[in-house]
Amino acid sequence: MKCPFCGHSEDKVLDTRVQKDGGIRRRRECLSCKSRYSTLETVVLSYPFVIKKDGRREPFSKEKLLRGLSYACNKRPVSTAALDAIVERIASWVITRGEGEISARVIGRRVMAELKQLDDVAYVRFASVYKTFKDVQDFVEKLEGDELIDMIDSSGPQLSLTTQLQPQLKPVNNTDQTTKEANDEKTIKRTRTPDPIPN
């Protein structure tokens, strides 16, 4: 390690700390000019290529994954630390597979599994973008079969999304109806009398 101030190649380590992301931060002092500086050591990982739906191949990106998670969790009570933890878990999972290529569909299913445990709304948001649906019924059917059924409270009445609510009519009592008809018969019909003064 060369000193950034004088270029001397010898130094001593004053302090070593392990970062949250697994990197190692070292505080060093140059033996020649006595200047102090910090270095960060990280493991260089070779991530596999992601195969997109259209066949394109692109490198796996933790930043892109975090951006997609942030969109799904927008205005939801989800902390940034929770999203970072998901990204790290998925990145580690991708590495441990030991494959040179991985399908975007496989990564998407893993992201959906993580979001389902974290926040239901974020899960549905991500699924609605990740998958394509023709209508609401298709949306429910494609989300892992009965995977969303346990979120629905079947004890209450379910409203249709396509029909409009009809106003409920108050039932008419038969006794009241009979009385009304009898009163109508007693009503005297008025007829116009001819004008007594001829023209």
C-alpha atoms as a PDB file:
ATOM      1  CA  MET A   1       0.000   0.000   0.000  1.00  0.00           C
ATOM      2  CA  LYS A   2       1.531   3.311  -1.079  1.00  0.00           C
ATOM      3  CA  CYS A   3       1.030   6.469   0.947  1.00  0.00           C
ATOM      4  CA  PRO A   4      -1.301   8.844  -0.977  1.00  0.00           C
ATOM      5  CA  PHE A   5       0.738  11.833   0.244  1.00  0.00           C
ATOM      6  CA  CYS A   6       4.382  10.875  -0.279  1.00  0.00           C
ATOM      7  CA  GLY A   7       4.191   7.542  -2.142  1.00  0.00           C
ATOM      8  CA  HIS A   8       6.134   5.622   0.515  1.00  0.00           C
ATOM      9  CA  SER A   9       5.291   1.906   0.450  1.00  0.00           C
ATOM     10  CA  GLU A  10       5.601   1.148   4.165  1.00  0.00           C
ATOM     11  CA  ASP A  11       3.013   1.965   6.828  1.00  0.00           C
ATOM     12  CA  LYS A  12       1.573   0.668  10.051  1.00  0.00           C
ATOM     13  CA  VAL A  13      -2.024  -0.181  10.883  1.00  0.00           C
ATOM     14  CA  LEU A  14      -3.448   1.822  13.777  1.00  0.00           C
ATOM     15  CA  ASP A  15      -7.009   0.516  13.831  1.00  0.00           C
ATOM     16  CA  THR A  16      -9.066  -2.218  12.132  1.00  0.00           C
ATOM     17  CA  ARG A  17     -12.855  -2.335  12.023  1.00  0.00           C
ATOM     18  CA  VAL A  18     -15.303  -4.658  10.285  1.00  0.00           C
ATOM     19  CA  GLN A  19     -18.040  -2.847   8.350  1.00  0.00           C
ATOM     20  CA  LYS A  20     -21.713  -3.894   8.202  1.00  0.00           C
ATOM     21  CA  ASP A  21     -21.354  -4.999   4.590  1.00  0.00           C
ATOM     22  CA  GLY A  22     -18.447  -7.304   5.490  1.00  0.00           C
ATOM     23  CA  GLY A  23     -15.667  -4.976   4.369  1.00  0.00           C
ATOM     24  CA  ILE A  24     -12.685  -4.161   6.588  1.00  0.00           C
ATOM     25  CA  ARG A  25     -11.712  -0.561   7.319  1.00  0.00           C
ATOM     26  CA  ARG A  26      -8.121   0.056   8.357  1.00  0.00           C
ATOM     27  CA  ARG A  27      -6.603   3.273   9.705  1.00  0.00           C
ATOM     28  CA  ARG A  28      -2.985   3.535   8.574  1.00  0.00           C
ATOM     29  CA  GLU A  29      -0.002   5.778   9.256  1.00  0.00           C
ATOM     30  CA  CYS A  30       2.849   6.301   6.799  1.00  0.00           C
ATOM     31  CA  LEU A  31       6.260   5.472   8.293  1.00  0.00           C
ATOM     32  CA  SER A  32       7.930   8.163   6.217  1.00  0.00           C
ATOM     33  CA  CYS A  33       5.779  11.343   6.389  1.00  0.00           C
ATOM     34  CA  LYS A  34       3.610  10.270   9.373  1.00  0.00           C
ATOM     35  CA  SER A  35       0.430  11.090   7.457  1.00  0.00           C
ATOM     36  CA  ARG A  36      -2.679   9.104   8.309  1.00  0.00           C
ATOM     37  CA  TYR A  37      -5.253   7.699   5.910  1.00  0.00           C
ATOM     38  CA  SER A  38      -7.928   5.014   5.794  1.00  0.00           C
ATOM     39  CA  THR A  39      -8.313   2.060   3.477  1.00  0.00           C
ATOM     40  CA  LEU A  40     -11.304  -0.177   2.864  1.00  0.00           C
ATOM     41  CA  GLU A  41     -10.867  -3.829   1.978  1.00  0.00           C
ATOM     42  CA  THR A  42     -13.765  -5.633   0.323  1.00  0.00           C
ATOM     43  CA  VAL A  43     -14.117  -9.023  -1.260  1.00  0.00           C
ATOM     44  CA  VAL A  44     -14.465  -8.829  -5.027  1.00  0.00           C
ATOM     45  CA  LEU A  45     -17.308 -11.143  -6.002  1.00  0.00           C
ATOM     46  CA  SER A  46     -18.100 -12.298  -9.494  1.00  0.00           C
ATOM     47  CA  TYR A  47     -21.867 -12.172  -9.876  1.00  0.00           C
ATOM     48  CA  PRO A  48     -23.573 -14.203 -12.605  1.00  0.00           C
ATOM     49  CA  PHE A  49     -25.208 -12.655 -15.651  1.00  0.00           C
ATOM     50  CA  VAL A  50     -28.972 -12.130 -15.547  1.00  0.00           C
ATOM     51  CA  ILE A  51     -30.948 -13.427 -18.528  1.00  0.00           C
ATOM     52  CA  LYS A  52     -33.858 -11.092 -19.234  1.00  0.00           C
ATOM     53  CA  LYS A  53     -37.247 -12.083 -20.689  1.00  0.00           C
ATOM     54  CA  ASP A  54     -36.218 -10.977 -24.171  1.00  0.00           C
ATOM     55  CA  GLY A  55     -32.987 -13.000 -24.038  1.00  0.00           C
ATOM     56  CA  ARG A  56     -30.637 -10.118 -23.253  1.00  0.00           C
ATOM     57  CA  ARG A  57     -27.832 -10.741 -20.755  1.00  0.00           C
ATOM     58  CA  GLU A  58     -26.703  -8.132 -18.245  1.00  0.00           C
ATOM     59  CA  PRO A  59     -24.593  -8.228 -15.070  1.00  0.00           C
ATOM     60  CA  PHE A  60     -26.361  -8.704 -11.752  1.00  0.00           C
ATOM     61  CA  SER A  61     -26.783  -5.311 -10.074  1.00  0.00           C
ATOM     62  CA  LYS A  62     -27.495  -4.822  -6.381  1.00  0.00           C
ATOM     63  CA  GLU A  63     -28.302  -1.164  -7.062  1.00  0.00           C
ATOM     64  CA  LYS A  64     -30.966  -2.071  -9.614  1.00  0.00           C
ATOM     65  CA  LEU A  65     -32.447  -4.635  -7.233  1.00  0.00           C
ATOM     66  CA  LEU A  66     -32.592  -2.064  -4.419  1.00  0.00           C
ATOM     67  CA  ARG A  67     -34.238   0.454  -6.759  1.00  0.00           C
ATOM     68  CA  GLY A  68     -36.985  -2.031  -7.652  1.00  0.00           C
ATOM     69  CA  LEU A  69     -37.591  -2.847  -3.996  1.00  0.00           C
ATOM     70  CA  SER A  70     -37.765   0.861  -3.133  1.00  0.00           C
ATOM     71  CA  TYR A  71     -40.448   1.444  -5.786  1.00  0.00           C
ATOM     72  CA  ALA A  72     -42.499  -1.463  -4.439  1.00  0.00           C
ATOM     73  CA  CYS A  73     -42.209  -0.207  -0.853  1.00  0.00           C
ATOM     74  CA  ASN A  74     -42.895   3.444  -1.663  1.00  0.00           C
ATOM     75  CA  LYS A  75     -44.981   5.092   1.127  1.00  0.00           C
ATOM     76  CA  ARG A  76     -45.004   1.852   3.105  1.00  0.00           C
ATOM     77  CA  PRO A  77     -43.724   1.478   6.695  1.00  0.00           C
ATOM     78  CA  VAL A  78     -40.561  -0.328   5.559  1.00  0.00           C
ATOM     79  CA  SER A  79     -37.127   0.824   6.685  1.00  0.00           C
ATOM     80  CA  THR A  80     -34.129   1.241   4.418  1.00  0.00           C
ATOM     81  CA  ALA A  81     -32.225  -1.216   6.601  1.00  0.00           C
ATOM     82  CA  ALA A  82     -34.842  -3.901   5.871  1.00  0.00           C
ATOM     83  CA  LEU A  83     -34.482  -3.335   2.121  1.00  0.00           C
ATOM     84  CA  ASP A  84     -30.680  -3.444   2.356  1.00  0.00           C
ATOM     85  CA  ALA A  85     -30.933  -6.725   4.242  1.00  0.00           C
ATOM     86  CA  ILE A  86     -33.129  -8.200   1.489  1.00  0.00           C
ATOM     87  CA  VAL A  87     -30.646  -7.106  -1.178  1.00  0.00           C
ATOM     88  CA  GLU A  88     -27.752  -8.694   0.712  1.00  0.00           C
ATOM     89  CA  ARG A  89     -29.659 -11.954   1.222  1.00  0.00           C
ATOM     90  CA  ILE A  90     -30.591 -12.191  -2.455  1.00  0.00           C
ATOM     91  CA  ALA A  91     -27.051 -11.281  -3.564  1.00  0.00           C
ATOM     92  CA  SER A  92     -25.603 -13.983  -1.302  1.00  0.00           C
ATOM     93  CA  TRP A  93     -28.177 -16.472  -2.581  1.00  0.00           C
ATOM     94  CA  VAL A  94     -27.248 -15.677  -6.198  1.00  0.00           C
ATOM     95  CA  ILE A  95     -23.541 -16.208  -5.441  1.00  0.00           C
ATOM     96  CA  THR A  96     -24.036 -19.491  -3.566  1.00  0.00           C
ATOM     97  CA  ARG A  97     -25.911 -20.975  -6.543  1.00  0.00           C
ATOM     98  CA  GLY A  98     -22.549 -21.145  -8.288  1.00  0.00           C
ATOM     99  CA  GLU A  99     -23.989 -20.553 -11.749  1.00  0.00           C
ATOM    100  CA  GLY A 100     -22.623 -18.271 -14.446  1.00  0.00           C
ATOM    101  CA  GLU A 101     -26.123 -17.229 -15.520  1.00  0.00           C
ATOM    102  CA  ILE A 102     -29.453 -16.880 -13.769  1.00  0.00           C
ATOM    103  CA  SER A 103     -32.903 -16.126 -15.136  1.00  0.00           C
ATOM    104  CA  ALA A 104     -34.562 -12.837 -14.197  1.00  0.00           C
ATOM    105  CA  ARG A 105     -37.723 -14.878 -13.554  1.00  0.00           C
ATOM    106  CA  VAL A 106     -35.940 -16.869 -10.814  1.00  0.00           C
ATOM    107  CA  ILE A 107     -34.667 -13.685  -9.160  1.00  0.00           C
ATOM    108  CA  GLY A 108     -38.151 -12.156  -9.400  1.00  0.00           C
ATOM    109  CA  ARG A 109     -39.707 -15.123  -7.614  1.00  0.00           C
ATOM    110  CA  ARG A 110     -37.125 -14.821  -4.835  1.00  0.00           C
ATOM    111  CA  VAL A 111     -37.853 -11.097  -4.488  1.00  0.00           C
ATOM    112  CA  MET A 112     -41.592 -11.833  -4.295  1.00  0.00           C
ATOM    113  CA  ALA A 113     -40.975 -14.378  -1.531  1.00  0.00           C
ATOM    114  CA  GLU A 114     -38.962 -11.812   0.451  1.00  0.00           C
ATOM    115  CA  LEU A 115     -41.590  -9.068  -0.010  1.00  0.00           C
ATOM    116  CA  LYS A 116     -44.436 -11.384   0.992  1.00  0.00           C
ATOM    117  CA  GLN A 117     -42.737 -11.844   4.359  1.00  0.00           C
ATOM    118  CA  LEU A 118     -42.046  -8.110   4.670  1.00  0.00           C
ATOM    119  CA  ASP A 119     -45.170  -6.263   3.457  1.00  0.00           C
ATOM    120  CA  ASP A 120     -48.290  -7.513   1.648  1.00  0.00           C
ATOM    121  CA  VAL A 121     -48.892  -4.287  -0.271  1.00  0.00           C
ATOM    122  CA  ALA A 122     -45.298  -4.148  -1.531  1.00  0.00           C
ATOM    123  CA  TYR A 123     -45.616  -7.795  -2.549  1.00  0.00           C
ATOM    124  CA  VAL A 124     -48.728  -7.143  -4.652  1.00  0.00           C
ATOM    125  CA  ARG A 125     -47.169  -4.019  -6.182  1.00  0.00           C
ATOM    126  CA  PHE A 126     -44.057  -5.883  -7.261  1.00  0.00           C
ATOM    127  CA  ALA A 127     -46.079  -8.826  -8.571  1.00  0.00           C
ATOM    128  CA  SER A 128     -48.308  -6.542 -10.649  1.00  0.00           C
ATOM    129  CA  VAL A 129     -45.235  -5.164 -12.439  1.00  0.00           C
ATOM    130  CA  TYR A 130     -43.210  -8.371 -12.553  1.00  0.00           C
ATOM    131  CA  LYS A 131     -46.024 -10.422 -14.076  1.00  0.00           C
ATOM    132  CA  THR A 132     -48.505  -9.568 -16.787  1.00  0.00           C
ATOM    133  CA  PHE A 133     -52.233  -9.943 -16.162  1.00  0.00           C
ATOM    134  CA  LYS A 134     -55.283  -9.691 -18.389  1.00  0.00           C
ATOM    135  CA  ASP A 135     -57.819  -8.929 -15.664  1.00  0.00           C
ATOM    136  CA  VAL A 136     -58.411  -9.155 -11.928  1.00  0.00           C
ATOM    137  CA  GLN A 137     -59.298 -12.864 -12.050  1.00  0.00           C
ATOM    138  CA  ASP A 138     -56.093 -13.614 -13.912  1.00  0.00           C
ATOM    139  CA  PHE A 139     -54.201 -11.573 -11.320  1.00  0.00           C
ATOM    140  CA  VAL A 140     -55.494 -13.717  -8.465  1.00  0.00           C
ATOM    141  CA  GLU A 141     -54.976 -17.004 -10.295  1.00  0.00           C
ATOM    142  CA  LYS A 142     -51.395 -16.334 -11.323  1.00  0.00           C
ATOM    143  CA  LEU A 143     -50.161 -15.206  -7.923  1.00  0.00           C
ATOM    144  CA  GLU A 144     -48.989 -18.649  -6.917  1.00  0.00           C
ATOM    145  CA  GLY A 145     -52.403 -20.299  -6.998  1.00  0.00           C
ATOM    146  CA  ASP A 146     -53.830 -19.987  -3.485  1.00  0.00           C
ATOM    147  CA  GLU A 147     -50.957 -17.850  -2.248  1.00  0.00           C
ATOM    148  CA  LEU A 148     -53.122 -14.754  -1.805  1.00  0.00           C
ATOM    149  CA  ILE A 149     -56.272 -16.565  -0.694  1.00  0.00           C
ATOM    150  CA  ASP A 150     -55.136 -16.639   2.932  1.00  0.00           C
ATOM    151  CA  MET A 151     -55.034 -12.812   2.915  1.00  0.00           C
ATOM    152  CA  ILE A 152     -58.735 -12.574   2.091  1.00  0.00           C
ATOM    153  CA  ASP A 153     -61.217 -12.533   4.953  1.00  0.00           C
ATOM    154  CA  SER A 154     -63.810 -15.043   3.776  1.00  0.00           C
ATOM    155  CA  SER A 155     -66.105 -14.390   6.744  1.00  0.00           C
ATOM    156  CA  GLY A 156     -67.311 -11.064   5.377  1.00  0.00           C
ATOM    157  CA  PRO A 157     -69.290 -10.420   2.208  1.00  0.00           C
ATOM    158  CA  GLN A 158     -67.223 -10.121  -0.969  1.00  0.00           C
ATOM    159  CA  LEU A 159     -68.138  -7.373  -3.414  1.00  0.00           C
ATOM    160  CA  SER A 160     -67.852  -7.831  -7.136  1.00  0.00           C
ATOM    161  CA  LEU A 161     -65.489  -5.498  -8.951  1.00  0.00           C
ATOM    162  CA  THR A 162     -67.597  -5.448 -12.113  1.00  0.00           C
ATOM    163  CA  THR A 163     -71.192  -5.033 -10.893  1.00  0.00           C
ATOM    164  CA  GLN A 164     -72.604  -1.943  -9.250  1.00  0.00           C
ATOM    165  CA  LEU A 165     -74.348  -2.060  -5.935  1.00  0.00           C
ATOM    166  CA  GLN A 166     -78.138  -1.931  -6.216  1.00  0.00           C
ATOM    167  CA  PRO A 167     -80.064  -0.044  -3.520  1.00  0.00           C
ATOM    168  CA  GLN A 168     -81.961  -2.327  -1.221  1.00  0.00           C
ATOM    169  CA  LEU A 169     -85.749  -1.844  -1.183  1.00  0.00           C
ATOM    170  CA  LYS A 170     -87.621  -1.924   2.062  1.00  0.00           C
ATOM    171  CA  PRO A 171     -89.959  -4.935   2.165  1.00  0.00           C
ATOM    172  CA  VAL A 172     -93.631  -4.033   2.033  1.00  0.00           C
ATOM    173  CA  ASN A 173     -95.939  -5.462   4.655  1.00  0.00           C
ATOM    174  CA  ASN A 174     -98.961  -7.291   3.122  1.00  0.00           C
ATOM    175  CA  THR A 175    -101.352  -5.694   5.630  1.00  0.00           C
ATOM    176  CA  ASP A 176    -100.169  -2.196   4.677  1.00  0.00           C
ATOM    177  CA  GLN A 177    -100.570  -3.020   0.974  1.00  0.00           C
ATOM    178  CA  THR A 178    -104.184  -4.224   1.459  1.00  0.00           C
ATOM    179  CA  THR A 179    -105.116  -1.098   3.433  1.00  0.00           C
ATOM    180  CA  LYS A 180    -103.594   1.138   0.754  1.00  0.00           C
ATOM    181  CA  GLU A 181    -105.601  -0.594  -2.001  1.00  0.00           C
ATOM    182  CA  ALA A 182    -108.840  -0.230  -0.006  1.00  0.00           C
ATOM    183  CA  ASN A 183    -108.225   3.494   0.497  1.00  0.00           C
ATOM    184  CA  ASP A 184    -107.560   3.918  -3.226  1.00  0.00           C
ATOM    185  CA  GLU A 185    -110.977   2.395  -4.035  1.00  0.00           C
ATOM    186  CA  LYS A 186    -112.708   4.848  -1.693  1.00  0.00           C
ATOM    187  CA  THR A 187    -111.056   7.822  -3.349  1.00  0.00           C
ATOM    188  CA  ILE A 188    -113.697   9.837  -5.219  1.00  0.00           C
ATOM    189  CA  LYS A 189    -112.720  10.500  -8.774  1.00  0.00           C
ATOM    190  CA  ARG A 190    -113.458  14.080  -9.762  1.00  0.00           C
ATOM    191  CA  THR A 191    -114.855  14.787 -13.180  1.00  0.00           C
ATOM    192  CA  ARG A 192    -114.947  18.208 -14.807  1.00  0.00           C
ATOM    193  CA  THR A 193    -118.472  19.630 -14.986  1.00  0.00           C
ATOM    194  CA  PRO A 194    -119.529  21.319 -18.179  1.00  0.00           C
ATOM    195  CA  ASP A 195    -119.344  25.071 -18.237  1.00  0.00           C
ATOM    196  CA  PRO A 196    -122.839  26.414 -17.343  1.00  0.00           C
ATOM    197  CA  ILE A 197    -122.380  29.509 -19.451  1.00  0.00           C
ATOM    198  CA  PRO A 198    -122.371  28.633 -23.141  1.00  0.00           C
ATOM    199  CA  ASN A 199    -120.195  30.525 -25.524  1.00  0.00           C
END
